[in-house]
PDB file of all heavy atoms in Angstrom:
ATOM      1  N   VAL A   1      11.379  36.703  -6.965  1.00  0.00           N
ATOM      2  CA  VAL A   1      10.280  36.425  -6.046  1.00  0.00           C
ATOM      3  C   VAL A   1      10.574  37.021  -4.674  1.00  0.00           C
ATOM      4  O   VAL A   1      11.742  37.179  -4.289  1.00  0.00           O
ATOM      5  CB  VAL A   1      10.063  34.899  -5.924  1.00  0.00           C
ATOM      6  CG1 VAL A   1      11.215  34.243  -5.177  1.00  0.00           C
ATOM      7  CG2 VAL A   1       8.732  34.575  -5.273  1.00  0.00           C
ATOM      8  N   SER A   2       9.524  37.360  -3.943  1.00  0.00           N
ATOM      9  CA  SER A   2       9.667  37.792  -2.557  1.00  0.00           C
ATOM     10  C   SER A   2       8.911  36.823  -1.665  1.00  0.00           C
ATOM     11  O   SER A   2       7.807  36.365  -2.010  1.00  0.00           O
ATOM     12  CB  SER A   2       9.126  39.214  -2.352  1.00  0.00           C
ATOM     13  OG  SER A   2       7.707  39.219  -2.398  1.00  0.00           O
ATOM     14  N   ALA A   3       9.496  36.504  -0.519  1.00  0.00           N
ATOM     15  CA  ALA A   3       8.816  35.632   0.436  1.00  0.00           C
ATOM     16  C   ALA A   3       7.552  36.292   0.961  1.00  0.00           C
ATOM     17  O   ALA A   3       6.599  35.600   1.356  1.00  0.00           O
ATOM     18  CB  ALA A   3       9.758  35.289   1.592  1.00  0.00           C
ATOM     19  N   ALA A   4       7.521  37.624   0.969  1.00  0.00           N
ATOM     20  CA  ALA A   4       6.311  38.326   1.396  1.00  0.00           C
ATOM     21  C   ALA A   4       5.134  37.954   0.504  1.00  0.00           C
ATOM     22  O   ALA A   4       4.015  37.707   0.991  1.00  0.00           O
ATOM     23  CB  ALA A   4       6.551  39.831   1.368  1.00  0.00           C
ATOM     24  N   ALA A   5       5.364  37.894  -0.815  1.00  0.00           N
ATOM     25  CA  ALA A   5       4.298  37.511  -1.736  1.00  0.00           C
ATOM     26  C   ALA A   5       3.914  36.051  -1.552  1.00  0.00           C
ATOM     27  O   ALA A   5       2.730  35.691  -1.571  1.00  0.00           O
ATOM     28  CB  ALA A   5       4.735  37.771  -3.175  1.00  0.00           C
ATOM     29  N   LEU A   6       4.911  35.168  -1.376  1.00  0.00           N
ATOM     30  CA  LEU A   6       4.620  33.754  -1.134  1.00  0.00           C
ATOM     31  C   LEU A   6       3.793  33.576   0.133  1.00  0.00           C
ATOM     32  O   LEU A   6       2.831  32.803   0.157  1.00  0.00           O
ATOM     33  CB  LEU A   6       5.920  32.959  -1.004  1.00  0.00           C
ATOM     34  CG  LEU A   6       6.663  32.580  -2.283  1.00  0.00           C
ATOM     35  CD1 LEU A   6       7.974  31.898  -1.915  1.00  0.00           C
ATOM     36  CD2 LEU A   6       5.830  31.678  -3.173  1.00  0.00           C
ATOM     37  N   ALA A   7       4.164  34.280   1.192  1.00  0.00           N
ATOM     38  CA  ALA A   7       3.447  34.163   2.457  1.00  0.00           C
ATOM     39  C   ALA A   7       2.013  34.649   2.324  1.00  0.00           C
ATOM     40  O   ALA A   7       1.077  34.013   2.825  1.00  0.00           O
ATOM     41  CB  ALA A   7       4.179  34.953   3.544  1.00  0.00           C
ATOM     42  N   ALA A   8       1.823  35.777   1.647  1.00  0.00           N
ATOM     43  CA  ALA A   8       0.476  36.321   1.480  1.00  0.00           C
ATOM     44  C   ALA A   8      -0.391  35.400   0.639  1.00  0.00           C
ATOM     45  O   ALA A   8      -1.571  35.176   0.946  1.00  0.00           O
ATOM     46  CB  ALA A   8       0.559  37.710   0.844  1.00  0.00           C
ATOM     47  N   LEU A   9       0.184  34.841  -0.434  1.00  0.00           N
ATOM     48  CA  LEU A   9      -0.558  33.915  -1.278  1.00  0.00           C
ATOM     49  C   LEU A   9      -0.907  32.646  -0.512  1.00  0.00           C
ATOM     50  O   LEU A   9      -2.045  32.146  -0.595  1.00  0.00           O
ATOM     51  CB  LEU A   9       0.264  33.578  -2.519  1.00  0.00           C
ATOM     52  CG  LEU A   9      -0.359  32.578  -3.505  1.00  0.00           C
ATOM     53  CD1 LEU A   9      -1.705  33.075  -4.016  1.00  0.00           C
ATOM     54  CD2 LEU A   9       0.602  32.319  -4.673  1.00  0.00           C
ATOM     55  N   ALA A  10       0.039  32.118   0.243  1.00  0.00           N
ATOM     56  CA  ALA A  10      -0.220  30.910   1.027  1.00  0.00           C
ATOM     57  C   ALA A  10      -1.299  31.157   2.072  1.00  0.00           C
ATOM     58  O   ALA A  10      -2.207  30.323   2.259  1.00  0.00           O
ATOM     59  CB  ALA A  10       1.068  30.438   1.699  1.00  0.00           C
ATOM     60  N   ALA A  11      -1.221  32.292   2.771  1.00  0.00           N
ATOM     61  CA  ALA A  11      -2.224  32.609   3.788  1.00  0.00           C
ATOM     62  C   ALA A  11      -3.611  32.704   3.168  1.00  0.00           C
ATOM     63  O   ALA A  11      -4.608  32.233   3.739  1.00  0.00           O
ATOM     64  CB  ALA A  11      -1.856  33.913   4.492  1.00  0.00           C
ATOM     65  N   GLU A  12      -3.691  33.297   1.996  1.00  0.00           N
ATOM     66  CA  GLU A  12      -4.967  33.430   1.282  1.00  0.00           C
ATOM     67  C   GLU A  12      -5.527  32.055   0.907  1.00  0.00           C
ATOM     68  O   GLU A  12      -6.717  31.773   1.097  1.00  0.00           O
ATOM     69  CB  GLU A  12      -4.751  34.281   0.031  1.00  0.00           C
ATOM     70  CG  GLU A  12      -5.998  34.586  -0.764  1.00  0.00           C
ATOM     71  CD  GLU A  12      -5.687  35.469  -1.959  1.00  0.00           C
ATOM     72  OE1 GLU A  12      -5.243  36.618  -1.743  1.00  0.00           O
ATOM     73  OE2 GLU A  12      -5.886  35.011  -3.105  1.00  0.00           O
ATOM     74  N   LYS A  13      -4.663  31.198   0.381  1.00  0.00           N
ATOM     75  CA  LYS A  13      -5.109  29.868  -0.031  1.00  0.00           C
ATOM     76  C   LYS A  13      -5.500  29.009   1.181  1.00  0.00           C
ATOM     77  O   LYS A  13      -6.506  28.286   1.152  1.00  0.00           O
ATOM     78  CB  LYS A  13      -3.996  29.180  -0.831  1.00  0.00           C
ATOM     79  CG  LYS A  13      -3.800  29.742  -2.239  1.00  0.00           C
ATOM     80  CD  LYS A  13      -2.653  29.039  -2.945  1.00  0.00           C
ATOM     81  CE  LYS A  13      -2.542  29.474  -4.398  1.00  0.00           C
ATOM     82  NZ  LYS A  13      -3.662  28.952  -5.208  1.00  0.00           N
ATOM     83  N   LEU A  14      -4.724  29.062   2.246  1.00  0.00           N
ATOM     84  CA  LEU A  14      -5.043  28.277   3.430  1.00  0.00           C
ATOM     85  C   LEU A  14      -6.352  28.739   4.064  1.00  0.00           C
ATOM     86  O   LEU A  14      -7.152  27.917   4.521  1.00  0.00           O
ATOM     87  CB  LEU A  14      -3.902  28.371   4.438  1.00  0.00           C
ATOM     88  CG  LEU A  14      -2.598  27.654   4.048  1.00  0.00           C
ATOM     89  CD1 LEU A  14      -1.477  28.015   5.001  1.00  0.00           C
ATOM     90  CD2 LEU A  14      -2.801  26.134   4.021  1.00  0.00           C
ATOM     91  N   ALA A  15      -6.570  30.047   4.093  1.00  0.00           N
ATOM     92  CA  ALA A  15      -7.810  30.583   4.654  1.00  0.00           C
ATOM     93  C   ALA A  15      -9.027  30.134   3.844  1.00  0.00           C
ATOM     94  O   ALA A  15     -10.126  29.973   4.384  1.00  0.00           O
ATOM     95  CB  ALA A  15      -7.746  32.107   4.715  1.00  0.00           C
ATOM     96  N   ALA A  16      -8.804  29.913   2.540  1.00  0.00           N
ATOM     97  CA  ALA A  16      -9.894  29.465   1.664  1.00  0.00           C
ATOM     98  C   ALA A  16     -10.056  27.948   1.679  1.00  0.00           C
ATOM     99  O   ALA A  16     -10.916  27.403   0.976  1.00  0.00           O
ATOM    100  CB  ALA A  16      -9.640  29.938   0.244  1.00  0.00           C
ATOM    101  N   GLY A  17      -9.224  27.262   2.469  1.00  0.00           N
ATOM    102  CA  GLY A  17      -9.317  25.822   2.573  1.00  0.00           C
ATOM    103  C   GLY A  17      -8.648  25.066   1.448  1.00  0.00           C
ATOM    104  O   GLY A  17      -8.871  23.864   1.271  1.00  0.00           O
ATOM    105  N   GLU A  18      -7.799  25.749   0.685  1.00  0.00           N
ATOM    106  CA  GLU A  18      -7.102  25.090  -0.419  1.00  0.00           C
ATOM    107  C   GLU A  18      -5.916  24.276   0.102  1.00  0.00           C
ATOM    108  O   GLU A  18      -5.269  24.647   1.081  1.00  0.00           O
ATOM    109  CB  GLU A  18      -6.600  26.123  -1.431  1.00  0.00           C
ATOM    110  CG  GLU A  18      -7.694  26.871  -2.166  1.00  0.00           C
ATOM    111  CD  GLU A  18      -7.141  27.785  -3.229  1.00  0.00           C
ATOM    112  OE1 GLU A  18      -6.159  27.395  -3.891  1.00  0.00           O
ATOM    113  OE2 GLU A  18      -7.675  28.900  -3.396  1.00  0.00           O
ATOM    114  N   GLU A  19      -5.650  23.179  -0.572  1.00  0.00           N
ATOM    115  CA  GLU A  19      -4.488  22.360  -0.229  1.00  0.00           C
ATOM    116  C   GLU A  19      -3.281  22.848  -1.017  1.00  0.00           C
ATOM    117  O   GLU A  19      -3.342  22.981  -2.244  1.00  0.00           O
ATOM    118  CB  GLU A  19      -4.761  20.895  -0.548  1.00  0.00           C
ATOM    119  CG  GLU A  19      -3.658  19.957  -0.100  1.00  0.00           C
ATOM    120  CD  GLU A  19      -4.018  18.499  -0.296  1.00  0.00           C
ATOM    121  OE1 GLU A  19      -5.213  18.208  -0.523  1.00  0.00           O
ATOM    122  OE2 GLU A  19      -3.104  17.662  -0.214  1.00  0.00           O
ATOM    123  N   LEU A  20      -2.194  23.105  -0.340  1.00  0.00           N
ATOM    124  CA  LEU A  20      -0.986  23.586  -0.997  1.00  0.00           C
ATOM    125  C   LEU A  20      -0.110  22.408  -1.421  1.00  0.00           C
ATOM    126  O   LEU A  20      -0.180  21.324  -0.844  1.00  0.00           O
ATOM    127  CB  LEU A  20      -0.212  24.513  -0.068  1.00  0.00           C
ATOM    128  CG  LEU A  20      -0.949  25.775   0.390  1.00  0.00           C
ATOM    129  CD1 LEU A  20      -0.028  26.639   1.234  1.00  0.00           C
ATOM    130  CD2 LEU A  20      -1.480  26.561  -0.786  1.00  0.00           C
ATOM    131  N   PRO A  21       0.748  22.613  -2.426  1.00  0.00           N
ATOM    132  CA  PRO A  21       1.613  21.521  -2.887  1.00  0.00           C
ATOM    133  C   PRO A  21       2.571  21.051  -1.795  1.00  0.00           C
ATOM    134  O   PRO A  21       2.893  21.786  -0.856  1.00  0.00           O
ATOM    135  CB  PRO A  21       2.395  22.160  -4.048  1.00  0.00           C
ATOM    136  CG  PRO A  21       1.582  23.331  -4.469  1.00  0.00           C
ATOM    137  CD  PRO A  21       0.902  23.832  -3.233  1.00  0.00           C
ATOM    138  N   ALA A  22       3.014  19.815  -1.936  1.00  0.00           N
ATOM    139  CA  ALA A  22       4.041  19.294  -1.031  1.00  0.00           C
ATOM    140  C   ALA A  22       5.352  20.036  -1.274  1.00  0.00           C
ATOM    141  O   ALA A  22       5.602  20.532  -2.376  1.00  0.00           O
ATOM    142  CB  ALA A  22       4.235  17.800  -1.267  1.00  0.00           C
ATOM    143  N   PRO A  23       6.200  20.139  -0.257  1.00  0.00           N
ATOM    144  CA  PRO A  23       7.486  20.848  -0.409  1.00  0.00           C
ATOM    145  C   PRO A  23       8.508  19.986  -1.127  1.00  0.00           C
ATOM    146  O   PRO A  23       9.514  19.576  -0.554  1.00  0.00           O
ATOM    147  CB  PRO A  23       7.892  21.143   1.039  1.00  0.00           C
ATOM    148  CG  PRO A  23       7.285  20.023   1.829  1.00  0.00           C
ATOM    149  CD  PRO A  23       5.979  19.704   1.149  1.00  0.00           C
ATOM    150  N   ARG A  24       8.252  19.728  -2.404  1.00  0.00           N
ATOM    151  CA  ARG A  24       9.146  18.917  -3.227  1.00  0.00           C
ATOM    152  C   ARG A  24       9.650  19.752  -4.397  1.00  0.00           C
ATOM    153  O   ARG A  24       8.884  20.490  -5.012  1.00  0.00           O
ATOM    154  CB  ARG A  24       8.429  17.669  -3.735  1.00  0.00           C
ATOM    155  CG  ARG A  24       7.952  16.748  -2.620  1.00  0.00           C
ATOM    156  CD  ARG A  24       9.135  16.148  -1.874  1.00  0.00           C
ATOM    157  NE  ARG A  24       8.699  15.322  -0.741  1.00  0.00           N
ATOM    158  CZ  ARG A  24       8.650  15.738   0.510  1.00  0.00           C
ATOM    159  NH1 ARG A  24       9.007  16.985   0.810  1.00  0.00           N
ATOM    160  NH2 ARG A  24       8.251  14.935   1.474  1.00  0.00           N
ATOM    161  N   PRO A  25      10.918  19.652  -4.733  1.00  0.00           N
ATOM    162  CA  PRO A  25      11.515  20.581  -5.700  1.00  0.00           C
ATOM    163  C   PRO A  25      11.044  20.379  -7.136  1.00  0.00           C
ATOM    164  O   PRO A  25      10.832  19.258  -7.587  1.00  0.00           O
ATOM    165  CB  PRO A  25      13.016  20.283  -5.586  1.00  0.00           C
ATOM    166  CG  PRO A  25      13.069  18.859  -5.119  1.00  0.00           C
ATOM    167  CD  PRO A  25      11.902  18.700  -4.192  1.00  0.00           C
ATOM    168  N   LEU A  26      10.885  21.490  -7.819  1.00  0.00           N
ATOM    169  CA  LEU A  26      10.650  21.494  -9.264  1.00  0.00           C
ATOM    170  C   LEU A  26      11.981  21.838  -9.934  1.00  0.00           C
ATOM    171  O   LEU A  26      12.294  23.001 -10.155  1.00  0.00           O
ATOM    172  CB  LEU A  26       9.597  22.548  -9.633  1.00  0.00           C
ATOM    173  CG  LEU A  26       8.147  22.261  -9.266  1.00  0.00           C
ATOM    174  CD1 LEU A  26       7.290  23.490  -9.524  1.00  0.00           C
ATOM    175  CD2 LEU A  26       7.616  21.082 -10.075  1.00  0.00           C
ATOM    176  N   TYR A  27      12.774  20.820 -10.228  1.00  0.00           N
ATOM    177  CA  TYR A  27      14.058  21.071 -10.873  1.00  0.00           C
ATOM    178  C   TYR A  27      13.911  21.229 -12.386  1.00  0.00           C
ATOM    179  O   TYR A  27      14.594  22.030 -13.019  1.00  0.00           O
ATOM    180  CB  TYR A  27      15.037  19.920 -10.586  1.00  0.00           C
ATOM    181  CG  TYR A  27      15.502  19.843  -9.155  1.00  0.00           C
ATOM    182  CD1 TYR A  27      15.445  18.645  -8.451  1.00  0.00           C
ATOM    183  CD2 TYR A  27      16.007  20.966  -8.509  1.00  0.00           C
ATOM    184  CE1 TYR A  27      15.875  18.559  -7.141  1.00  0.00           C
ATOM    185  CE2 TYR A  27      16.440  20.889  -7.197  1.00  0.00           C
ATOM    186  CZ  TYR A  27      16.372  19.681  -6.514  1.00  0.00           C
ATOM    187  OH  TYR A  27      16.808  19.597  -5.218  1.00  0.00           O
ATOM    188  N   LEU A  28      13.041  20.444 -13.003  1.00  0.00           N
ATOM    189  CA  LEU A  28      12.753  20.461 -14.450  1.00  0.00           C
ATOM    190  C   LEU A  28      13.903  19.966 -15.326  1.00  0.00           C
ATOM    191  O   LEU A  28      13.713  19.701 -16.501  1.00  0.00           O
ATOM    192  CB  LEU A  28      12.315  21.848 -14.928  1.00  0.00           C
ATOM    193  CG  LEU A  28      11.053  22.428 -14.271  1.00  0.00           C
ATOM    194  CD1 LEU A  28      10.638  23.696 -15.013  1.00  0.00           C
ATOM    195  CD2 LEU A  28       9.916  21.421 -14.239  1.00  0.00           C
ATOM    196  N   ARG A  29      15.089  19.875 -14.772  1.00  0.00           N
ATOM    197  CA  ARG A  29      16.192  19.288 -15.522  1.00  0.00           C
ATOM    198  C   ARG A  29      17.214  18.754 -14.531  1.00  0.00           C
ATOM    199  O   ARG A  29      17.162  19.070 -13.341  1.00  0.00           O
ATOM    200  CB  ARG A  29      16.837  20.315 -16.467  1.00  0.00           C
ATOM    201  CG  ARG A  29      17.533  21.464 -15.793  1.00  0.00           C
ATOM    202  CD  ARG A  29      17.995  22.486 -16.821  1.00  0.00           C
ATOM    203  NE  ARG A  29      18.701  23.587 -16.190  1.00  0.00           N
ATOM    204  CZ  ARG A  29      18.820  24.792 -16.729  1.00  0.00           C
ATOM    205  NH1 ARG A  29      18.295  25.042 -17.913  1.00  0.00           N
ATOM    206  NH2 ARG A  29      19.481  25.738 -16.105  1.00  0.00           N
ATOM    207  N   ARG A  30      18.135  17.958 -15.034  1.00  0.00           N
ATOM    208  CA  ARG A  30      19.119  17.329 -14.179  1.00  0.00           C
ATOM    209  C   ARG A  30      20.139  18.350 -13.685  1.00  0.00           C
ATOM    210  O   ARG A  30      20.403  19.351 -14.357  1.00  0.00           O
ATOM    211  CB  ARG A  30      19.833  16.208 -14.932  1.00  0.00           C
ATOM    212  CG  ARG A  30      18.903  15.082 -15.384  1.00  0.00           C
ATOM    213  CD  ARG A  30      19.659  14.003 -16.120  1.00  0.00           C
ATOM    214  NE  ARG A  30      20.576  13.319 -15.235  1.00  0.00           N
ATOM    215  CZ  ARG A  30      20.233  12.309 -14.431  1.00  0.00           C
ATOM    216  NH1 ARG A  30      18.980  11.897 -14.398  1.00  0.00           N
ATOM    217  NH2 ARG A  30      21.125  11.724 -13.653  1.00  0.00           N
ATOM    218  N   PRO A  31      20.722  18.136 -12.499  1.00  0.00           N
ATOM    219  CA  PRO A  31      21.737  19.066 -11.993  1.00  0.00           C
ATOM    220  C   PRO A  31      22.978  19.090 -12.868  1.00  0.00           C
ATOM    221  O   PRO A  31      23.263  18.137 -13.603  1.00  0.00           O
ATOM    222  CB  PRO A  31      22.058  18.525 -10.591  1.00  0.00           C
ATOM    223  CG  PRO A  31      21.674  17.088 -10.648  1.00  0.00           C
ATOM    224  CD  PRO A  31      20.482  17.014 -11.574  1.00  0.00           C
ATOM    225  N   ASP A  32      23.730  20.186 -12.795  1.00  0.00           N
ATOM    226  CA  ASP A  32      24.965  20.307 -13.571  1.00  0.00           C
ATOM    227  C   ASP A  32      25.988  19.250 -13.173  1.00  0.00           C
ATOM    228  O   ASP A  32      26.711  18.716 -14.003  1.00  0.00           O
ATOM    229  CB  ASP A  32      25.577  21.702 -13.387  1.00  0.00           C
ATOM    230  CG  ASP A  32      24.719  22.783 -14.019  1.00  0.00           C
ATOM    231  OD1 ASP A  32      24.010  22.464 -15.001  1.00  0.00           O
ATOM    232  OD2 ASP A  32      24.758  23.920 -13.547  1.00  0.00           O
ATOM    233  N   ALA A  33      26.075  18.964 -11.878  1.00  0.00           N
ATOM    234  CA  ALA A  33      27.038  17.981 -11.392  1.00  0.00           C
ATOM    235  C   ALA A  33      26.582  16.577 -11.765  1.00  0.00           C
ATOM    236  O   ALA A  33      25.435  16.204 -11.518  1.00  0.00           O
ATOM    237  CB  ALA A  33      27.189  18.092  -9.878  1.00  0.00           C
ATOM    238  N   GLN A  34      27.453  15.824 -12.361  1.00  0.00           N
ATOM    239  CA  GLN A  34      27.135  14.463 -12.786  1.00  0.00           C
ATOM    240  C   GLN A  34      28.177  13.495 -12.247  1.00  0.00           C
ATOM    241  O   GLN A  34      29.340  13.855 -12.062  1.00  0.00           O
ATOM    242  CB  GLN A  34      27.106  14.374 -14.326  1.00  0.00           C
ATOM    243  CG  GLN A  34      26.080  15.278 -14.990  1.00  0.00           C
ATOM    244  CD  GLN A  34      24.659  14.831 -14.735  1.00  0.00           C
ATOM    245  OE1 GLN A  34      24.407  13.642 -14.556  1.00  0.00           O
ATOM    246  NE2 GLN A  34      23.734  15.768 -14.709  1.00  0.00           N
ATOM    247  N   VAL A  35      27.746  12.262 -11.997  1.00  0.00           N
ATOM    248  CA  VAL A  35      28.678  11.227 -11.571  1.00  0.00           C
ATOM    249  C   VAL A  35      29.555  10.865 -12.765  1.00  0.00           C
ATOM    250  O   VAL A  35      29.048  10.586 -13.857  1.00  0.00           O
ATOM    251  CB  VAL A  35      27.922   9.981 -11.086  1.00  0.00           C
ATOM    252  CG1 VAL A  35      28.919   8.867 -10.741  1.00  0.00           C
ATOM    253  CG2 VAL A  35      27.051  10.331  -9.886  1.00  0.00           C
ATOM    254  N   PRO A  36      30.877  10.914 -12.625  1.00  0.00           N
ATOM    255  CA  PRO A  36      31.758  10.599 -13.758  1.00  0.00           C
ATOM    256  C   PRO A  36      31.545   9.175 -14.258  1.00  0.00           C
ATOM    257  O   PRO A  36      31.253   8.266 -13.485  1.00  0.00           O
ATOM    258  CB  PRO A  36      33.162  10.768 -13.168  1.00  0.00           C
ATOM    259  CG  PRO A  36      32.979  11.597 -11.948  1.00  0.00           C
ATOM    260  CD  PRO A  36      31.621  11.280 -11.417  1.00  0.00           C
ATOM    261  N   LYS A  37      31.698   9.000 -15.534  1.00  0.00           N
ATOM    262  CA  LYS A  37      31.614   7.674 -16.126  1.00  0.00           C
ATOM    263  C   LYS A  37      33.022   7.079 -16.249  1.00  0.00           C
ATOM    264  O   LYS A  37      34.013   7.790 -16.288  1.00  0.00           O
ATOM    265  CB  LYS A  37      30.960   7.751 -17.505  1.00  0.00           C
ATOM    266  CG  LYS A  37      29.515   8.238 -17.476  1.00  0.00           C
ATOM    267  CD  LYS A  37      28.944   8.303 -18.884  1.00  0.00           C
ATOM    268  CE  LYS A  37      27.508   8.792 -18.861  1.00  0.00           C
ATOM    269  NZ  LYS A  37      26.933   8.894 -20.232  1.00  0.00           N
ATOM    270  N   ASN A  38      33.060   5.771 -16.341  1.00  0.00           N
ATOM    271  CA  ASN A  38      34.326   5.061 -16.561  1.00  0.00           C
ATOM    272  C   ASN A  38      35.387   5.417 -15.520  1.00  0.00           C
ATOM    273  O   ASN A  38      36.413   6.023 -15.812  1.00  0.00           O
ATOM    274  CB  ASN A  38      34.872   5.367 -17.963  1.00  0.00           C
ATOM    275  CG  ASN A  38      33.884   4.959 -19.055  1.00  0.00           C
ATOM    276  OD1 ASN A  38      33.246   3.911 -18.956  1.00  0.00           O
ATOM    277  ND2 ASN A  38      33.766   5.806 -20.075  1.00  0.00           N
ATOM    278  N   TYR A  39      35.057   5.117 -14.263  1.00  0.00           N
ATOM    279  CA  TYR A  39      35.998   5.382 -13.177  1.00  0.00           C
ATOM    280  C   TYR A  39      37.355   4.733 -13.483  1.00  0.00           C
ATOM    281  O   TYR A  39      37.435   3.603 -13.970  1.00  0.00           O
ATOM    282  CB  TYR A  39      35.475   4.801 -11.878  1.00  0.00           C
ATOM    283  CG  TYR A  39      34.402   5.606 -11.212  1.00  0.00           C
ATOM    284  CD1 TYR A  39      33.075   5.163 -11.233  1.00  0.00           C
ATOM    285  CD2 TYR A  39      34.707   6.783 -10.542  1.00  0.00           C
ATOM    286  CE1 TYR A  39      32.073   5.889 -10.611  1.00  0.00           C
ATOM    287  CE2 TYR A  39      33.706   7.516  -9.907  1.00  0.00           C
ATOM    288  CZ  TYR A  39      32.401   7.072  -9.948  1.00  0.00           C
ATOM    289  OH  TYR A  39      31.423   7.773  -9.329  1.00  0.00           O
ATOM    290  N   LYS A  40      38.400   5.454 -13.171  1.00  0.00           N
ATOM    291  CA  LYS A  40      39.740   4.891 -13.287  1.00  0.00           C
ATOM    292  C   LYS A  40      40.027   4.047 -12.044  1.00  0.00           C
ATOM    293  O   LYS A  40      39.879   4.516 -10.923  1.00  0.00           O
ATOM    294  CB  LYS A  40      40.786   6.006 -13.404  1.00  0.00           C
ATOM    295  CG  LYS A  40      42.205   5.488 -13.567  1.00  0.00           C
ATOM    296  CD  LYS A  40      43.178   6.662 -13.706  1.00  0.00           C
ATOM    297  CE  LYS A  40      44.610   6.150 -13.843  1.00  0.00           C
ATOM    298  NZ  LYS A  40      45.564   7.289 -13.959  1.00  0.00           N
ATOM    299  N   VAL A  41      40.427   2.840 -12.236  1.00  0.00           N
ATOM    300  CA  VAL A  41      40.706   1.943 -11.108  1.00  0.00           C
ATOM    301  C   VAL A  41      42.040   2.330 -10.472  1.00  0.00           C
ATOM    302  O   VAL A  41      43.075   2.396 -11.133  1.00  0.00           O
ATOM    303  CB  VAL A  41      40.759   0.480 -11.576  1.00  0.00           C
ATOM    304  CG1 VAL A  41      41.128  -0.428 -10.417  1.00  0.00           C
ATOM    305  CG2 VAL A  41      39.426   0.073 -12.194  1.00  0.00           C
ATOM    306  N   VAL A  42      42.001   2.628  -9.170  1.00  0.00           N
ATOM    307  CA  VAL A  42      43.215   3.053  -8.468  1.00  0.00           C
ATOM    308  C   VAL A  42      43.576   2.083  -7.339  1.00  0.00           C
ATOM    309  O   VAL A  42      44.588   2.266  -6.681  1.00  0.00           O
ATOM    310  CB  VAL A  42      43.074   4.474  -7.910  1.00  0.00           C
ATOM    311  CG1 VAL A  42      42.929   5.482  -9.032  1.00  0.00           C
ATOM    312  CG2 VAL A  42      41.869   4.564  -6.954  1.00  0.00           C
ATOM    313  N   THR A  43      42.734   1.081  -7.097  1.00  0.00           N
ATOM    314  CA  THR A  43      43.030   0.131  -6.045  1.00  0.00           C
ATOM    315  C   THR A  43      43.893  -1.002  -6.607  1.00  0.00           C
ATOM    316  O   THR A  43      43.782  -1.357  -7.786  1.00  0.00           O
ATOM    317  CB  THR A  43      41.728  -0.450  -5.460  1.00  0.00           C
ATOM    318  OG1 THR A  43      40.947  -1.004  -6.527  1.00  0.00           O
ATOM    319  CG2 THR A  43      40.926   0.629  -4.772  1.00  0.00           C
ATOM    320  N   PRO A  44      44.758  -1.583  -5.787  1.00  0.00           N
ATOM    321  CA  PRO A  44      45.610  -2.674  -6.286  1.00  0.00           C
ATOM    322  C   PRO A  44      44.786  -3.902  -6.602  1.00  0.00           C
ATOM    323  O   PRO A  44      43.782  -4.192  -5.952  1.00  0.00           O
ATOM    324  CB  PRO A  44      46.573  -2.922  -5.113  1.00  0.00           C
ATOM    325  CG  PRO A  44      45.845  -2.406  -3.915  1.00  0.00           C
ATOM    326  CD  PRO A  44      45.041  -1.239  -4.388  1.00  0.00           C
ATOM    327  N   LYS A  45      45.221  -4.645  -7.601  1.00  0.00           N
ATOM    328  CA  LYS A  45      44.526  -5.857  -7.971  1.00  0.00           C
ATOM    329  C   LYS A  45      44.910  -6.992  -7.029  1.00  0.00           C
ATOM    330  O   LYS A  45      46.019  -7.076  -6.545  1.00  0.00           O
ATOM    331  CB  LYS A  45      44.871  -6.227  -9.419  1.00  0.00           C
ATOM    332  CG  LYS A  45      44.359  -5.202 -10.425  1.00  0.00           C
ATOM    333  CD  LYS A  45      44.692  -5.642 -11.847  1.00  0.00           C
ATOM    334  CE  LYS A  45      44.178  -4.647 -12.865  1.00  0.00           C
ATOM    335  NZ  LYS A  45      44.494  -5.063 -14.255  1.00  0.00           N
TER     336      LYS A  45
END
């Protein structure tokens, strides 16, 4: 993608009175980084 194309498309839509989507991410799947399960306890009892 080029930002030039995004800018031109946005300008066209705004000039036509169209509402653009909110700036919220389309991830479509979970991130690669995950919180580890079954933490090892390292603090003294």
